[in-house]
C-alpha atoms as a PDB file:
ATOM      1  CA  MET A   1     221.528 295.546  49.663  1.00  0.00           C
ATOM      2  CA  LEU A   2     221.899 295.057  45.984  1.00  0.00           C
ATOM      3  CA  VAL A   3     221.489 291.896  44.187  1.00  0.00           C
ATOM      4  CA  THR A   4     224.497 291.101  42.332  1.00  0.00           C
ATOM      5  CA  HIS A   5     226.533 289.036  39.689  1.00  0.00           C
ATOM      6  CA  TYR A   6     228.765 286.438  41.049  1.00  0.00           C
ATOM      7  CA  SER A   7     231.816 288.792  39.619  1.00  0.00           C
ATOM      8  CA  LEU A   8     234.102 290.908  42.250  1.00  0.00           C
ATOM      9  CA  LEU A   9     235.178 293.466  39.112  1.00  0.00           C
ATOM     10  CA  TYR A  10     232.408 295.019  36.768  1.00  0.00           C
ATOM     11  CA  HIS A  11     233.424 297.441  34.006  1.00  0.00           C
ATOM     12  CA  THR A  12     231.522 300.692  33.205  1.00  0.00           C
ATOM     13  CA  LEU A  13     231.452 302.998  30.493  1.00  0.00           C
ATOM     14  CA  ARG A  14     231.906 306.787  31.457  1.00  0.00           C
ATOM     15  CA  VAL A  15     231.430 310.021  29.392  1.00  0.00           C
ATOM     16  CA  LYS A  16     234.851 311.689  29.580  1.00  0.00           C
ATOM     17  CA  GLN A  17     233.616 315.287  29.292  1.00  0.00           C
ATOM     18  CA  ASN A  18     231.378 314.888  32.185  1.00  0.00           C
ATOM     19  CA  GLY A  19     232.495 311.868  34.159  1.00  0.00           C
ATOM     20  CA  GLN A  20     228.457 310.503  34.095  1.00  0.00           C
ATOM     21  CA  TYR A  21     228.284 306.619  33.676  1.00  0.00           C
ATOM     22  CA  LEU A  22     226.272 305.343  30.838  1.00  0.00           C
ATOM     23  CA  GLY A  23     222.718 304.089  31.718  1.00  0.00           C
ATOM     24  CA  ALA A  24     219.716 302.701  30.373  1.00  0.00           C
ATOM     25  CA  THR A  25     216.184 303.274  30.841  1.00  0.00           C
ATOM     26  CA  PRO A  26     214.330 300.354  29.880  1.00  0.00           C
ATOM     27  CA  ASN A  27     210.682 301.234  30.768  1.00  0.00           C
ATOM     28  CA  PRO A  28     210.061 304.460  28.954  1.00  0.00           C
ATOM     29  CA  ASP A  29     207.059 305.217  30.673  1.00  0.00           C
ATOM     30  CA  ARG A  30     209.338 305.155  33.923  1.00  0.00           C
ATOM     31  CA  PRO A  31     212.291 307.688  34.875  1.00  0.00           C
ATOM     32  CA  ASP A  32     214.315 304.486  36.540  1.00  0.00           C
ATOM     33  CA  ARG A  33     217.673 304.327  35.181  1.00  0.00           C
ATOM     34  CA  PHE A  34     220.060 301.695  35.120  1.00  0.00           C
ATOM     35  CA  VAL A  35     224.139 301.986  35.245  1.00  0.00           C
ATOM     36  CA  LEU A  36     225.414 299.498  32.599  1.00  0.00           C
ATOM     37  CA  VAL A  37     228.119 296.964  33.934  1.00  0.00           C
ATOM     38  CA  PHE A  38     230.161 294.543  31.993  1.00  0.00           C
ATOM     39  CA  THR A  39     232.072 291.533  33.177  1.00  0.00           C
ATOM     40  CA  GLU A  40     234.536 291.778  30.340  1.00  0.00           C
ATOM     41  CA  THR A  41     236.639 294.682  28.943  1.00  0.00           C
ATOM     42  CA  ALA A  42     235.810 293.367  25.748  1.00  0.00           C
ATOM     43  CA  ASP A  43     232.220 293.418  25.863  1.00  0.00           C
ATOM     44  CA  ALA A  44     232.358 296.996  27.031  1.00  0.00           C
ATOM     45  CA  LEU A  45     233.962 297.580  23.649  1.00  0.00           C
ATOM     46  CA  SER A  46     231.803 295.539  21.803  1.00  0.00           C
ATOM     47  CA  TYR A  47     228.970 297.897  23.117  1.00  0.00           C
ATOM     48  CA  LEU A  48     230.714 300.622  21.962  1.00  0.00           C
ATOM     49  CA  ASN A  49     231.787 299.243  18.577  1.00  0.00           C
ATOM     50  CA  ALA A  50     227.536 298.279  18.194  1.00  0.00           C
ATOM     51  CA  HIS A  51     226.029 301.282  19.604  1.00  0.00           C
ATOM     52  CA  ALA A  52     228.278 304.214  19.664  1.00  0.00           C
ATOM     53  CA  ALA A  53     230.141 303.623  16.150  1.00  0.00           C
ATOM     54  CA  GLY A  54     232.382 306.783  15.708  1.00  0.00           C
ATOM     55  CA  LEU A  55     231.975 307.785  19.664  1.00  0.00           C
ATOM     56  CA  GLU A  56     234.096 306.070  21.065  1.00  0.00           C
ATOM     57  CA  ASP A  57     237.032 308.457  22.029  1.00  0.00           C
ATOM     58  CA  ARG A  58     234.171 310.047  24.037  1.00  0.00           C
ATOM     59  CA  PHE A  59     234.035 307.464  26.650  1.00  0.00           C
ATOM     60  CA  ALA A  60     236.267 305.730  29.325  1.00  0.00           C
ATOM     61  CA  ILE A  61     236.072 302.302  30.277  1.00  0.00           C
ATOM     62  CA  GLU A  62     236.256 302.214  34.173  1.00  0.00           C
ATOM     63  CA  THR A  63     236.988 298.897  36.193  1.00  0.00           C
ATOM     64  CA  ILE A  64     235.188 298.753  39.634  1.00  0.00           C
ATOM     65  CA  HIS A  65     234.939 296.521  42.251  1.00  0.00           C
ATOM     66  CA  ALA A  66     231.258 295.127  43.312  1.00  0.00           C
ATOM     67  CA  THR A  67     231.947 296.666  46.968  1.00  0.00           C
ATOM     68  CA  GLN A  68     231.448 299.946  44.564  1.00  0.00           C
ATOM     69  CA  VAL A  69     228.581 299.402  43.225  1.00  0.00           C
ATOM     70  CA  GLY A  70     226.225 300.597  45.758  1.00  0.00           C
ATOM     71  CA  GLY A  71     227.933 303.853  46.109  1.00  0.00           C
ATOM     72  CA  ILE A  72     227.731 304.513  42.367  1.00  0.00           C
ATOM     73  CA  LEU A  73     223.758 303.767  42.321  1.00  0.00           C
ATOM     74  CA  GLU A  74     223.682 306.410  45.285  1.00  0.00           C
ATOM     75  CA  ARG A  75     225.840 309.095  44.095  1.00  0.00           C
ATOM     76  CA  TRP A  76     224.656 309.217  40.760  1.00  0.00           C
ATOM     77  CA  GLY A  77     220.615 308.608  41.419  1.00  0.00           C
ATOM     78  CA  PHE A  78     220.482 305.002  39.621  1.00  0.00           C
ATOM     79  CA  ALA A  79     217.714 302.620  40.589  1.00  0.00           C
ATOM     80  CA  GLY A  80     220.248 299.737  39.897  1.00  0.00           C
ATOM     81  CA  VAL A  81     222.379 297.599  37.580  1.00  0.00           C
ATOM     82  CA  GLY A  82     221.938 296.467  34.079  1.00  0.00           C
ATOM     83  CA  LEU A  83     224.423 293.650  33.587  1.00  0.00           C
ATOM     84  CA  VAL A  84     225.034 293.445  29.753  1.00  0.00           C
ATOM     85  CA  ARG A  85     224.852 289.772  28.818  1.00  0.00           C
ATOM     86  CA  ASP A  86     225.163 290.415  25.157  1.00  0.00           C
ATOM     87  CA  PRO A  87     226.472 293.774  24.287  1.00  0.00           C
ATOM     88  CA  ARG A  88     225.444 293.518  20.292  1.00  0.00           C
ATOM     89  CA  VAL A  89     221.699 293.266  21.297  1.00  0.00           C
ATOM     90  CA  PRO A  90     221.973 294.466  23.798  1.00  0.00           C
ATOM     91  CA  GLU A  91     220.591 292.039  26.090  1.00  0.00           C
ATOM     92  CA  LEU A  92     220.480 293.486  30.018  1.00  0.00           C
ATOM     93  CA  GLU A  93     219.794 291.465  33.409  1.00  0.00           C
ATOM     94  CA  LEU A  94     218.618 294.013  35.661  1.00  0.00           C
ATOM     95  CA  ALA A  95     219.175 294.276  39.102  1.00  0.00           C
ATOM     96  CA  THR A  96     217.995 296.635  41.934  1.00  0.00           C
ATOM     97  CA  ARG A  97     218.332 297.559  45.585  1.00  0.00           C
ATOM     98  CA  LEU A  98     216.550 295.430  47.601  1.00  0.00           C
ATOM     99  CA  SER A  99     215.089 297.406  50.970  1.00  0.00           C
END
């Protein structure tokens, strides 16, 4: 089970070249990766403008339903999600799967 935000739709960033989801590794001493999710398309665009200026054309914004999150975590080996609260900082709220 995954602890999720109350939104039903999320927006992710995917690399156009290989389809991988953009993720974060908040602790360099641990290999856990978290897929980045945004509640608004504009936040995903702001994140790209702030942290990947000039590379925006290499990413696609994908809208996913909350029910798809678990499958993405399993398929791509993510430990959980990083809900981006402030795309400029970035400020993340991390959530992991519960056993």
